[in-house]
Every structure is written in C-alpha cells, then in structure tokens.
N, C-alpha and C. Protein backbone atom coordinates (compact mmCIF):
# COMPACT_ATOMS: atom_id res chain seq x y z
N MET A 1 -12.68 11.62 32.30
CA MET A 1 -11.64 10.61 32.30
C MET A 1 -11.81 9.72 31.06
N PRO A 2 -10.74 9.50 30.29
CA PRO A 2 -10.85 8.70 29.09
C PRO A 2 -11.16 7.24 29.41
N LYS A 3 -11.90 6.63 28.49
CA LYS A 3 -12.25 5.23 28.65
C LYS A 3 -10.99 4.38 28.50
N ILE A 4 -10.93 3.31 29.26
CA ILE A 4 -9.82 2.38 29.18
C ILE A 4 -10.31 1.15 28.43
N PHE A 5 -9.56 0.79 27.39
CA PHE A 5 -9.92 -0.35 26.56
C PHE A 5 -9.01 -1.53 26.87
N SER A 6 -9.58 -2.73 26.79
CA SER A 6 -8.77 -3.93 26.94
C SER A 6 -7.91 -4.08 25.68
N GLU A 7 -6.91 -4.93 25.72
CA GLU A 7 -6.05 -5.15 24.56
C GLU A 7 -6.87 -5.67 23.38
N LYS A 8 -7.81 -6.57 23.66
CA LYS A 8 -8.66 -7.10 22.60
C LYS A 8 -9.50 -5.97 21.98
N GLU A 9 -10.07 -5.13 22.82
CA GLU A 9 -10.86 -4.00 22.32
C GLU A 9 -10.00 -3.05 21.49
N ARG A 10 -8.78 -2.79 21.95
CA ARG A 10 -7.87 -1.90 21.21
C ARG A 10 -7.60 -2.45 19.81
N ILE A 11 -7.31 -3.74 19.73
CA ILE A 11 -7.04 -4.37 18.43
C ILE A 11 -8.26 -4.27 17.53
N GLU A 12 -9.44 -4.57 18.09
CA GLU A 12 -10.67 -4.51 17.29
C GLU A 12 -10.96 -3.08 16.83
N ILE A 13 -10.73 -2.11 17.69
CA ILE A 13 -10.99 -0.71 17.32
C ILE A 13 -10.03 -0.26 16.23
N ILE A 14 -8.76 -0.61 16.36
CA ILE A 14 -7.78 -0.24 15.34
C ILE A 14 -8.14 -0.88 14.01
N GLU A 15 -8.52 -2.15 14.03
CA GLU A 15 -8.92 -2.82 12.79
C GLU A 15 -10.14 -2.15 12.17
N THR A 16 -11.11 -1.78 13.00
CA THR A 16 -12.31 -1.11 12.52
C THR A 16 -11.98 0.26 11.95
N LEU A 17 -11.13 1.00 12.64
CA LEU A 17 -10.71 2.31 12.13
C LEU A 17 -9.97 2.18 10.81
N GLN A 18 -9.09 1.19 10.72
CA GLN A 18 -8.35 0.99 9.47
C GLN A 18 -9.29 0.59 8.33
N LYS A 19 -10.23 -0.26 8.62
CA LYS A 19 -11.19 -0.67 7.59
C LYS A 19 -11.98 0.55 7.10
N GLY A 20 -12.44 1.37 8.03
CA GLY A 20 -13.17 2.58 7.66
C GLY A 20 -12.30 3.55 6.89
N ALA A 21 -11.05 3.69 7.32
CA ALA A 21 -10.12 4.60 6.65
C ALA A 21 -9.84 4.12 5.22
N MET A 22 -9.66 2.82 5.04
CA MET A 22 -9.42 2.28 3.70
C MET A 22 -10.63 2.51 2.80
N HIS A 23 -11.82 2.35 3.36
CA HIS A 23 -13.04 2.61 2.59
C HIS A 23 -13.09 4.07 2.15
N GLU A 24 -12.82 4.97 3.08
CA GLU A 24 -12.87 6.39 2.76
C GLU A 24 -11.72 6.80 1.83
N LEU A 25 -10.57 6.20 2.02
CA LEU A 25 -9.43 6.49 1.14
C LEU A 25 -9.80 6.14 -0.29
N SER A 26 -10.36 4.96 -0.48
CA SER A 26 -10.75 4.52 -1.81
C SER A 26 -11.84 5.41 -2.39
N ARG A 27 -12.74 5.86 -1.54
CA ARG A 27 -13.89 6.64 -1.99
C ARG A 27 -13.54 8.11 -2.26
N VAL A 28 -12.86 8.76 -1.31
CA VAL A 28 -12.66 10.21 -1.45
C VAL A 28 -11.23 10.69 -1.21
N GLY A 29 -10.34 9.85 -0.73
CA GLY A 29 -8.97 10.28 -0.48
C GLY A 29 -8.78 10.83 0.92
N VAL A 30 -7.54 11.18 1.24
CA VAL A 30 -7.17 11.65 2.57
C VAL A 30 -7.79 13.01 2.87
N ARG A 31 -7.64 13.94 1.94
CA ARG A 31 -8.08 15.32 2.18
C ARG A 31 -9.56 15.41 2.54
N LYS A 32 -10.40 14.71 1.82
CA LYS A 32 -11.85 14.84 2.02
C LYS A 32 -12.38 13.95 3.14
N THR A 33 -11.55 13.10 3.68
CA THR A 33 -11.98 12.27 4.80
C THR A 33 -11.84 13.07 6.09
N THR A 34 -12.87 12.99 6.92
CA THR A 34 -12.82 13.71 8.20
C THR A 34 -12.77 12.71 9.35
N VAL A 35 -12.24 13.18 10.47
CA VAL A 35 -12.22 12.34 11.67
C VAL A 35 -13.66 12.03 12.08
N ASP A 36 -14.55 13.00 11.93
CA ASP A 36 -15.96 12.77 12.27
C ASP A 36 -16.52 11.60 11.47
N GLU A 37 -16.22 11.57 10.16
CA GLU A 37 -16.74 10.48 9.31
C GLU A 37 -16.10 9.15 9.70
N LEU A 38 -14.81 9.16 9.98
CA LEU A 38 -14.15 7.92 10.41
C LEU A 38 -14.76 7.39 11.70
N CYS A 39 -15.07 8.29 12.63
CA CYS A 39 -15.68 7.89 13.90
C CYS A 39 -17.10 7.37 13.67
N ARG A 40 -17.84 8.03 12.78
CA ARG A 40 -19.21 7.61 12.50
C ARG A 40 -19.24 6.19 11.94
N ILE A 41 -18.41 5.92 10.93
CA ILE A 41 -18.46 4.59 10.32
C ILE A 41 -17.81 3.52 11.19
N SER A 42 -17.00 3.96 12.15
CA SER A 42 -16.36 3.01 13.07
C SER A 42 -17.12 2.88 14.39
N HIS A 43 -18.19 3.65 14.54
CA HIS A 43 -18.99 3.64 15.78
C HIS A 43 -18.11 3.92 16.99
N LEU A 44 -17.32 4.99 16.89
CA LEU A 44 -16.38 5.36 17.93
C LEU A 44 -16.55 6.84 18.24
N ALA A 45 -16.52 7.17 19.52
CA ALA A 45 -16.60 8.57 19.92
C ALA A 45 -15.35 9.30 19.45
N LYS A 46 -15.51 10.55 19.05
CA LYS A 46 -14.40 11.32 18.51
C LYS A 46 -13.25 11.41 19.51
N GLY A 47 -13.57 11.59 20.77
CA GLY A 47 -12.53 11.65 21.79
C GLY A 47 -11.73 10.36 21.87
N SER A 48 -12.42 9.24 21.66
CA SER A 48 -11.73 7.95 21.70
C SER A 48 -10.80 7.77 20.50
N PHE A 49 -11.17 8.36 19.38
CA PHE A 49 -10.30 8.29 18.20
C PHE A 49 -8.89 8.75 18.56
N TYR A 50 -8.81 9.85 19.28
CA TYR A 50 -7.51 10.44 19.60
C TYR A 50 -6.74 9.65 20.66
N LEU A 51 -7.35 8.65 21.25
CA LEU A 51 -6.62 7.73 22.12
C LEU A 51 -5.78 6.76 21.28
N PHE A 52 -6.17 6.60 20.01
CA PHE A 52 -5.51 5.65 19.12
C PHE A 52 -4.59 6.33 18.11
N TYR A 53 -5.01 7.49 17.62
CA TYR A 53 -4.24 8.20 16.60
C TYR A 53 -4.24 9.69 16.89
N GLU A 54 -3.11 10.33 16.61
CA GLU A 54 -3.02 11.77 16.81
C GLU A 54 -3.77 12.53 15.72
N SER A 55 -3.90 11.91 14.55
CA SER A 55 -4.55 12.56 13.42
C SER A 55 -5.04 11.51 12.43
N LYS A 56 -5.88 11.94 11.51
CA LYS A 56 -6.33 11.02 10.46
C LYS A 56 -5.16 10.60 9.59
N GLU A 57 -4.17 11.49 9.43
CA GLU A 57 -3.01 11.17 8.62
C GLU A 57 -2.20 10.02 9.24
N GLU A 58 -2.10 10.01 10.58
CA GLU A 58 -1.43 8.90 11.27
C GLU A 58 -2.17 7.59 11.00
N LEU A 59 -3.49 7.65 11.04
CA LEU A 59 -4.31 6.46 10.75
C LEU A 59 -4.06 5.99 9.32
N PHE A 60 -4.06 6.91 8.37
CA PHE A 60 -3.84 6.51 6.98
C PHE A 60 -2.45 5.91 6.78
N LEU A 61 -1.45 6.46 7.44
CA LEU A 61 -0.12 5.89 7.34
C LEU A 61 -0.10 4.49 7.94
N ASP A 62 -0.81 4.29 9.04
CA ASP A 62 -0.92 2.98 9.65
C ASP A 62 -1.60 1.99 8.68
N CYS A 63 -2.59 2.47 7.95
CA CYS A 63 -3.25 1.63 6.94
C CYS A 63 -2.27 1.21 5.86
N LEU A 64 -1.46 2.15 5.42
CA LEU A 64 -0.48 1.86 4.39
C LEU A 64 0.55 0.85 4.90
N LYS A 65 0.95 0.99 6.16
CA LYS A 65 1.90 0.04 6.76
C LYS A 65 1.28 -1.35 6.85
N THR A 66 0.03 -1.42 7.26
CA THR A 66 -0.67 -2.71 7.32
C THR A 66 -0.75 -3.34 5.93
N PHE A 67 -1.05 -2.52 4.92
CA PHE A 67 -1.09 -3.00 3.54
C PHE A 67 0.27 -3.55 3.13
N ALA A 68 1.33 -2.79 3.40
CA ALA A 68 2.69 -3.22 3.03
C ALA A 68 3.05 -4.52 3.72
N ASP A 69 2.72 -4.63 4.99
CA ASP A 69 3.01 -5.87 5.73
C ASP A 69 2.23 -7.05 5.17
N SER A 70 1.01 -6.82 4.73
CA SER A 70 0.19 -7.92 4.19
C SER A 70 0.70 -8.39 2.83
N LEU A 71 1.43 -7.52 2.12
CA LEU A 71 1.97 -7.92 0.82
C LEU A 71 2.94 -9.09 0.96
N GLU A 72 3.76 -9.03 1.99
CA GLU A 72 4.75 -10.10 2.17
C GLU A 72 4.07 -11.46 2.29
N GLU A 73 3.06 -11.53 3.11
CA GLU A 73 2.33 -12.79 3.27
C GLU A 73 1.72 -13.24 1.94
N MET A 74 1.15 -12.29 1.21
CA MET A 74 0.50 -12.61 -0.06
C MET A 74 1.50 -13.13 -1.08
N TYR A 75 2.60 -12.37 -1.31
CA TYR A 75 3.50 -12.78 -2.38
C TYR A 75 4.31 -14.01 -2.01
N LEU A 76 4.60 -14.21 -0.73
CA LEU A 76 5.30 -15.44 -0.35
C LEU A 76 4.43 -16.65 -0.64
N GLY A 77 3.13 -16.52 -0.37
CA GLY A 77 2.20 -17.60 -0.71
C GLY A 77 2.15 -17.85 -2.20
N MET A 78 2.15 -16.77 -2.99
CA MET A 78 2.13 -16.91 -4.44
C MET A 78 3.41 -17.57 -4.95
N LEU A 79 4.54 -17.16 -4.40
CA LEU A 79 5.82 -17.70 -4.87
C LEU A 79 5.95 -19.19 -4.61
N GLN A 80 5.32 -19.67 -3.55
CA GLN A 80 5.37 -21.10 -3.27
C GLN A 80 4.73 -21.92 -4.39
N ASN A 81 3.80 -21.29 -5.11
CA ASN A 81 3.07 -22.01 -6.16
C ASN A 81 3.54 -21.66 -7.57
N LEU A 82 4.60 -20.84 -7.68
CA LEU A 82 5.06 -20.43 -9.00
C LEU A 82 6.28 -21.23 -9.42
N ASP A 83 6.47 -21.33 -10.70
CA ASP A 83 7.55 -22.11 -11.28
C ASP A 83 8.80 -21.25 -11.43
N GLU A 84 9.88 -21.65 -10.77
CA GLU A 84 11.13 -20.90 -10.84
C GLU A 84 11.73 -20.92 -12.24
N ASN A 85 11.30 -21.84 -13.09
CA ASN A 85 11.81 -21.91 -14.46
C ASN A 85 11.13 -20.89 -15.37
N HIS A 86 10.12 -20.24 -14.88
CA HIS A 86 9.40 -19.22 -15.66
C HIS A 86 9.42 -17.91 -14.88
N ILE A 87 10.61 -17.34 -14.76
CA ILE A 87 10.80 -16.16 -13.93
C ILE A 87 9.94 -14.99 -14.39
N VAL A 88 9.93 -14.71 -15.68
CA VAL A 88 9.19 -13.55 -16.19
C VAL A 88 7.71 -13.69 -15.88
N SER A 89 7.13 -14.82 -16.19
CA SER A 89 5.70 -15.03 -15.93
C SER A 89 5.39 -14.98 -14.44
N SER A 90 6.26 -15.60 -13.65
CA SER A 90 6.04 -15.64 -12.21
C SER A 90 6.09 -14.25 -11.59
N LEU A 91 7.15 -13.49 -11.90
CA LEU A 91 7.28 -12.15 -11.33
C LEU A 91 6.19 -11.22 -11.87
N THR A 92 5.84 -11.37 -13.13
CA THR A 92 4.77 -10.54 -13.70
C THR A 92 3.47 -10.81 -12.96
N THR A 93 3.16 -12.07 -12.73
CA THR A 93 1.94 -12.43 -12.00
C THR A 93 1.92 -11.79 -10.62
N VAL A 94 3.03 -11.88 -9.90
CA VAL A 94 3.10 -11.32 -8.55
C VAL A 94 2.92 -9.80 -8.59
N PHE A 95 3.68 -9.12 -9.46
CA PHE A 95 3.62 -7.66 -9.49
C PHE A 95 2.28 -7.13 -10.03
N VAL A 96 1.66 -7.85 -10.94
CA VAL A 96 0.33 -7.45 -11.42
C VAL A 96 -0.69 -7.62 -10.28
N THR A 97 -0.59 -8.71 -9.54
CA THR A 97 -1.50 -8.94 -8.42
C THR A 97 -1.34 -7.85 -7.37
N ILE A 98 -0.10 -7.47 -7.06
CA ILE A 98 0.14 -6.38 -6.10
C ILE A 98 -0.48 -5.09 -6.62
N ALA A 99 -0.28 -4.80 -7.91
CA ALA A 99 -0.83 -3.57 -8.50
C ALA A 99 -2.35 -3.54 -8.40
N LYS A 100 -2.99 -4.67 -8.66
CA LYS A 100 -4.46 -4.71 -8.59
C LYS A 100 -4.95 -4.53 -7.15
N ARG A 101 -4.24 -5.09 -6.20
CA ARG A 101 -4.61 -4.84 -4.79
C ARG A 101 -4.41 -3.37 -4.44
N PHE A 102 -3.34 -2.81 -4.94
CA PHE A 102 -3.03 -1.40 -4.75
C PHE A 102 -4.19 -0.54 -5.23
N ARG A 103 -4.74 -0.91 -6.39
CA ARG A 103 -5.89 -0.19 -6.94
C ARG A 103 -7.16 -0.48 -6.15
N ASP A 104 -7.46 -1.75 -5.96
CA ASP A 104 -8.73 -2.16 -5.35
C ASP A 104 -8.89 -1.65 -3.92
N GLU A 105 -7.80 -1.54 -3.20
CA GLU A 105 -7.87 -1.09 -1.81
C GLU A 105 -7.69 0.42 -1.67
N GLY A 106 -7.56 1.11 -2.80
CA GLY A 106 -7.48 2.57 -2.77
C GLY A 106 -6.11 3.11 -2.43
N ILE A 107 -5.12 2.25 -2.30
CA ILE A 107 -3.78 2.69 -1.92
C ILE A 107 -3.19 3.62 -2.98
N PHE A 108 -3.64 3.50 -4.22
CA PHE A 108 -3.12 4.36 -5.29
C PHE A 108 -3.31 5.84 -4.96
N ARG A 109 -4.24 6.15 -4.09
CA ARG A 109 -4.47 7.55 -3.72
C ARG A 109 -3.26 8.16 -3.01
N PHE A 110 -2.40 7.30 -2.45
CA PHE A 110 -1.20 7.80 -1.82
C PHE A 110 -0.19 8.31 -2.85
N LEU A 111 -0.44 8.05 -4.12
CA LEU A 111 0.44 8.56 -5.17
C LEU A 111 0.13 10.02 -5.50
N ASP A 112 -1.04 10.47 -5.09
CA ASP A 112 -1.46 11.83 -5.35
C ASP A 112 -0.64 12.78 -4.46
N GLU A 113 -0.02 13.77 -5.07
CA GLU A 113 0.87 14.67 -4.33
C GLU A 113 0.16 15.39 -3.18
N GLU A 114 -1.10 15.74 -3.37
CA GLU A 114 -1.85 16.44 -2.33
C GLU A 114 -2.04 15.55 -1.11
N ASN A 115 -2.39 14.28 -1.33
CA ASN A 115 -2.56 13.35 -0.21
C ASN A 115 -1.24 13.11 0.51
N ILE A 116 -0.16 12.94 -0.25
CA ILE A 116 1.15 12.73 0.35
C ILE A 116 1.57 13.95 1.16
N ALA A 117 1.33 15.14 0.62
CA ALA A 117 1.71 16.37 1.34
C ALA A 117 0.97 16.46 2.68
N LEU A 118 -0.30 16.09 2.70
CA LEU A 118 -1.06 16.11 3.95
C LEU A 118 -0.45 15.18 4.98
N ILE A 119 -0.09 13.99 4.54
CA ILE A 119 0.48 13.01 5.46
C ILE A 119 1.86 13.46 5.94
N LYS A 120 2.68 13.98 5.05
CA LYS A 120 4.02 14.42 5.43
C LYS A 120 3.98 15.55 6.46
N ARG A 121 2.97 16.38 6.40
CA ARG A 121 2.86 17.48 7.36
C ARG A 121 2.55 17.00 8.76
N LYS A 122 1.83 15.90 8.88
CA LYS A 122 1.33 15.46 10.18
C LYS A 122 2.04 14.26 10.77
N VAL A 123 2.85 13.56 9.99
CA VAL A 123 3.45 12.31 10.45
C VAL A 123 4.95 12.48 10.59
N PRO A 124 5.53 11.99 11.68
CA PRO A 124 6.98 12.11 11.87
C PRO A 124 7.77 11.46 10.73
N GLU A 125 8.84 12.10 10.34
CA GLU A 125 9.68 11.64 9.23
C GLU A 125 10.16 10.20 9.44
N ILE A 126 10.46 9.83 10.67
CA ILE A 126 10.96 8.47 10.96
C ILE A 126 9.92 7.42 10.60
N ARG A 127 8.65 7.73 10.82
CA ARG A 127 7.59 6.77 10.46
C ARG A 127 7.48 6.62 8.95
N LEU A 128 7.64 7.71 8.23
CA LEU A 128 7.62 7.66 6.76
C LEU A 128 8.80 6.85 6.24
N LYS A 129 9.97 7.04 6.84
CA LYS A 129 11.16 6.29 6.42
C LYS A 129 10.97 4.80 6.68
N ASP A 130 10.41 4.45 7.82
CA ASP A 130 10.16 3.05 8.15
C ASP A 130 9.23 2.41 7.11
N LEU A 131 8.21 3.13 6.71
CA LEU A 131 7.27 2.62 5.71
C LEU A 131 7.96 2.46 4.36
N THR A 132 8.74 3.44 3.96
CA THR A 132 9.46 3.37 2.69
C THR A 132 10.38 2.15 2.69
N ASP A 133 11.09 1.94 3.78
CA ASP A 133 11.99 0.78 3.89
C ASP A 133 11.21 -0.54 3.76
N THR A 134 10.03 -0.59 4.36
CA THR A 134 9.20 -1.79 4.28
C THR A 134 8.80 -2.07 2.84
N LEU A 135 8.38 -1.03 2.12
CA LEU A 135 7.96 -1.20 0.73
C LEU A 135 9.13 -1.60 -0.17
N ILE A 136 10.28 -1.00 0.05
CA ILE A 136 11.47 -1.35 -0.74
C ILE A 136 11.87 -2.80 -0.49
N ASN A 137 11.71 -3.25 0.74
CA ASN A 137 12.05 -4.62 1.09
C ASN A 137 11.21 -5.63 0.30
N VAL A 138 9.98 -5.25 -0.05
CA VAL A 138 9.13 -6.12 -0.86
C VAL A 138 9.84 -6.47 -2.17
N PHE A 139 10.37 -5.45 -2.84
CA PHE A 139 11.05 -5.67 -4.12
C PHE A 139 12.30 -6.53 -3.93
N HIS A 140 13.11 -6.19 -2.94
CA HIS A 140 14.34 -6.94 -2.72
C HIS A 140 14.06 -8.41 -2.42
N THR A 141 13.06 -8.67 -1.60
CA THR A 141 12.73 -10.05 -1.26
C THR A 141 12.25 -10.82 -2.48
N LEU A 142 11.37 -10.20 -3.27
CA LEU A 142 10.87 -10.87 -4.46
C LEU A 142 11.99 -11.19 -5.44
N PHE A 143 12.85 -10.23 -5.69
CA PHE A 143 13.92 -10.46 -6.65
C PHE A 143 14.96 -11.43 -6.13
N SER A 144 15.22 -11.41 -4.83
CA SER A 144 16.21 -12.34 -4.29
C SER A 144 15.73 -13.78 -4.40
N TYR A 145 14.41 -13.98 -4.40
CA TYR A 145 13.85 -15.31 -4.59
C TYR A 145 14.31 -15.91 -5.92
N PHE A 146 14.53 -15.02 -6.91
CA PHE A 146 14.98 -15.46 -8.23
C PHE A 146 16.46 -15.12 -8.46
N SER A 147 17.21 -14.86 -7.37
CA SER A 147 18.64 -14.55 -7.41
C SER A 147 18.96 -13.32 -8.25
N ILE A 148 18.08 -12.33 -8.22
CA ILE A 148 18.32 -11.05 -8.88
C ILE A 148 18.66 -10.06 -7.77
N GLU A 149 19.91 -9.59 -7.76
CA GLU A 149 20.34 -8.77 -6.63
C GLU A 149 21.07 -7.50 -7.03
N ASN A 150 21.06 -7.12 -8.30
CA ASN A 150 21.72 -5.90 -8.74
C ASN A 150 20.95 -4.68 -8.24
N GLU A 151 21.56 -3.93 -7.32
CA GLU A 151 20.88 -2.79 -6.66
C GLU A 151 20.40 -1.73 -7.66
N ASP A 152 21.24 -1.42 -8.66
CA ASP A 152 20.84 -0.40 -9.64
C ASP A 152 19.62 -0.85 -10.44
N ASP A 153 19.61 -2.11 -10.83
CA ASP A 153 18.46 -2.64 -11.58
C ASP A 153 17.20 -2.65 -10.72
N ILE A 154 17.34 -3.04 -9.46
CA ILE A 154 16.18 -3.07 -8.57
C ILE A 154 15.63 -1.66 -8.37
N ARG A 155 16.52 -0.69 -8.18
CA ARG A 155 16.07 0.70 -8.02
C ARG A 155 15.35 1.20 -9.28
N ALA A 156 15.90 0.86 -10.43
CA ALA A 156 15.27 1.26 -11.70
C ALA A 156 13.90 0.60 -11.84
N PHE A 157 13.81 -0.67 -11.44
CA PHE A 157 12.51 -1.36 -11.49
C PHE A 157 11.52 -0.67 -10.55
N GLU A 158 11.95 -0.35 -9.34
CA GLU A 158 11.07 0.31 -8.37
C GLU A 158 10.51 1.60 -8.94
N ASP A 159 11.38 2.41 -9.56
CA ASP A 159 10.93 3.67 -10.15
C ASP A 159 9.96 3.42 -11.30
N GLY A 160 10.28 2.44 -12.14
CA GLY A 160 9.39 2.12 -13.26
C GLY A 160 8.05 1.60 -12.78
N TYR A 161 8.07 0.75 -11.77
CA TYR A 161 6.83 0.20 -11.22
C TYR A 161 5.97 1.31 -10.61
N LEU A 162 6.61 2.22 -9.90
CA LEU A 162 5.90 3.36 -9.33
C LEU A 162 5.27 4.20 -10.44
N ALA A 163 6.00 4.40 -11.53
CA ALA A 163 5.45 5.16 -12.66
C ALA A 163 4.22 4.45 -13.24
N VAL A 164 4.28 3.13 -13.33
CA VAL A 164 3.13 2.37 -13.84
C VAL A 164 1.93 2.53 -12.90
N LEU A 165 2.18 2.48 -11.59
CA LEU A 165 1.08 2.62 -10.63
C LEU A 165 0.41 3.98 -10.71
N HIS A 166 1.14 4.99 -11.16
CA HIS A 166 0.55 6.32 -11.31
C HIS A 166 -0.58 6.33 -12.36
N LEU A 167 -0.62 5.31 -13.19
CA LEU A 167 -1.70 5.23 -14.18
C LEU A 167 -3.07 5.13 -13.50
N PHE A 168 -3.11 4.63 -12.27
CA PHE A 168 -4.38 4.53 -11.56
C PHE A 168 -4.98 5.90 -11.26
N LEU A 169 -4.15 6.93 -11.29
CA LEU A 169 -4.64 8.29 -11.02
C LEU A 169 -5.31 8.92 -12.25
N ILE A 170 -5.17 8.26 -13.41
CA ILE A 170 -5.78 8.78 -14.63
C ILE A 170 -7.18 8.20 -14.75
N PRO A 171 -8.20 9.05 -14.65
CA PRO A 171 -9.57 8.53 -14.72
C PRO A 171 -9.93 8.05 -16.13
N ASP A 172 -10.68 6.99 -16.17
CA ASP A 172 -11.25 6.47 -17.42
C ASP A 172 -10.24 6.07 -18.48
N LEU A 173 -9.10 5.56 -18.08
CA LEU A 173 -8.12 5.05 -19.03
C LEU A 173 -8.61 3.71 -19.54
N GLU A 174 -8.78 3.60 -20.86
CA GLU A 174 -9.30 2.35 -21.44
C GLU A 174 -8.29 1.22 -21.29
N ASN A 175 -8.78 0.03 -21.10
CA ASN A 175 -7.96 -1.19 -21.00
C ASN A 175 -6.84 -1.06 -19.97
N LEU A 176 -7.15 -0.46 -18.85
CA LEU A 176 -6.13 -0.21 -17.84
C LEU A 176 -5.46 -1.49 -17.35
N ASP A 177 -6.25 -2.53 -17.08
CA ASP A 177 -5.65 -3.78 -16.58
C ASP A 177 -4.67 -4.37 -17.59
N ASP A 178 -5.05 -4.37 -18.86
CA ASP A 178 -4.16 -4.90 -19.90
C ASP A 178 -2.90 -4.05 -20.02
N THR A 179 -3.07 -2.74 -19.96
CA THR A 179 -1.94 -1.83 -20.05
C THR A 179 -0.97 -2.04 -18.89
N ILE A 180 -1.52 -2.13 -17.68
CA ILE A 180 -0.69 -2.36 -16.49
C ILE A 180 0.09 -3.67 -16.63
N SER A 181 -0.60 -4.73 -17.02
CA SER A 181 0.05 -6.04 -17.18
C SER A 181 1.17 -5.97 -18.21
N PHE A 182 0.90 -5.32 -19.33
CA PHE A 182 1.88 -5.20 -20.40
C PHE A 182 3.12 -4.45 -19.93
N LEU A 183 2.92 -3.33 -19.26
CA LEU A 183 4.04 -2.52 -18.79
C LEU A 183 4.85 -3.24 -17.70
N ILE A 184 4.16 -3.91 -16.80
CA ILE A 184 4.87 -4.65 -15.74
C ILE A 184 5.67 -5.79 -16.34
N ARG A 185 5.09 -6.49 -17.31
CA ARG A 185 5.84 -7.57 -17.97
C ARG A 185 7.10 -7.01 -18.62
N GLY A 186 7.00 -5.83 -19.23
CA GLY A 186 8.18 -5.20 -19.83
C GLY A 186 9.25 -4.88 -18.79
N LEU A 187 8.82 -4.37 -17.64
CA LEU A 187 9.78 -4.08 -16.57
C LEU A 187 10.47 -5.37 -16.09
N VAL A 188 9.68 -6.41 -15.93
CA VAL A 188 10.24 -7.69 -15.47
C VAL A 188 11.22 -8.26 -16.51
N LEU A 189 10.84 -8.19 -17.78
CA LEU A 189 11.74 -8.66 -18.84
C LEU A 189 13.08 -7.92 -18.79
N GLN A 190 13.01 -6.63 -18.56
CA GLN A 190 14.22 -5.82 -18.48
C GLN A 190 15.08 -6.28 -17.29
N MET A 191 14.43 -6.67 -16.20
CA MET A 191 15.16 -7.11 -15.00
C MET A 191 15.89 -8.43 -15.20
N VAL A 192 15.28 -9.36 -15.91
CA VAL A 192 15.84 -10.71 -15.99
C VAL A 192 16.72 -10.91 -17.21
N GLU A 193 16.84 -9.91 -18.07
CA GLU A 193 17.72 -10.04 -19.24
C GLU A 193 19.14 -10.29 -18.84
C-alpha cells in the first residue's frame, strides 16, 4: 500500500524533487538524469517518486513552470525600482537578469533539441502549451509596462531573445555575459524605436 503524505509533506517533497532536478539539469541535462539519482538526492523511495510524477520529464517540465512563474515575481519587483524614462536601460537590465537566471539555474538545457524531444515524448501537449503561454506572457507583461503592444514586434523580440539564449549552449564562448548584454540591448533598442 502506498504511503500517504500530508499536504505539507507533499509540498516539501515536490520542492525537494524540483531542487534536485534543477541541480541535475544544470549538471547533466534531462537525458542523463535518472529517476534513481533524483530519488537518491531527494531521499525519496523510487515508488514514492511515482506518486508525484509519472516520469522525470514531467518533473522537469514542472521545474520549468516553477521557474517561469518565479520570473513574474522577480521582474515585477525589478520594474518597481526602474525608471520609466529610461526604457532601454530598464528593459535591458530586466532581460539580462532573466537570461543570467536562465543560465545559472540550468534552464538553458531546455534549448537543446535532444532534451526537448525527451520531454515532448512523455508530457501531454496541453501541459507544454500552458508552459509556452506562461513564458510568452512574461514578454507581453514586461512590454505593456512600457506601453509597447505591437504583437509583431513582440513576437520578433521573443524569437531574437530565444536565439540569444541559445548562446548558452556553446561551450567556452569568451565574454559571454558581455555578448549577451550587448545583443539584448540591441533587441530592446529595436523594440522601442
């Protein structure tokens, strides 16, 4: 008979699993992470893992959703302290900060086609669509703060920003932080012209 967890225990276990998954994602990616390793670092029996997630891919998608949700809190806090008269600098600061979190937390690994293919095979399409909508909403909310609402421009920015984030997949790129900042500033300048 499966163990029954209290709501508090469930929340703590999910947080622990997500923390372990993020660590492994940053270290080795989705493909090389095993449920056994996730259970070991989370101090959870393998059978109990499946009470929370159907697969490691579901867990990784949940991590990405948690990351996306946390972005809103982060950038809203940043926007409260930024000067609306300096749109380019303000938006550049926000998008560079998001990019660095994207790198530091290992989320850039989701840009790798192999990792994405693994997740797409195991996760229902509706969950992927929900996550995509959440991420797109980040851009719309940020730009609407500065009264930028042209859908074509926002879509072009999203594609450009995604292309910039792919730079994290290139190992040993010199001056990566400066390059990322420079490219993001260029994208922002293009948006506010």
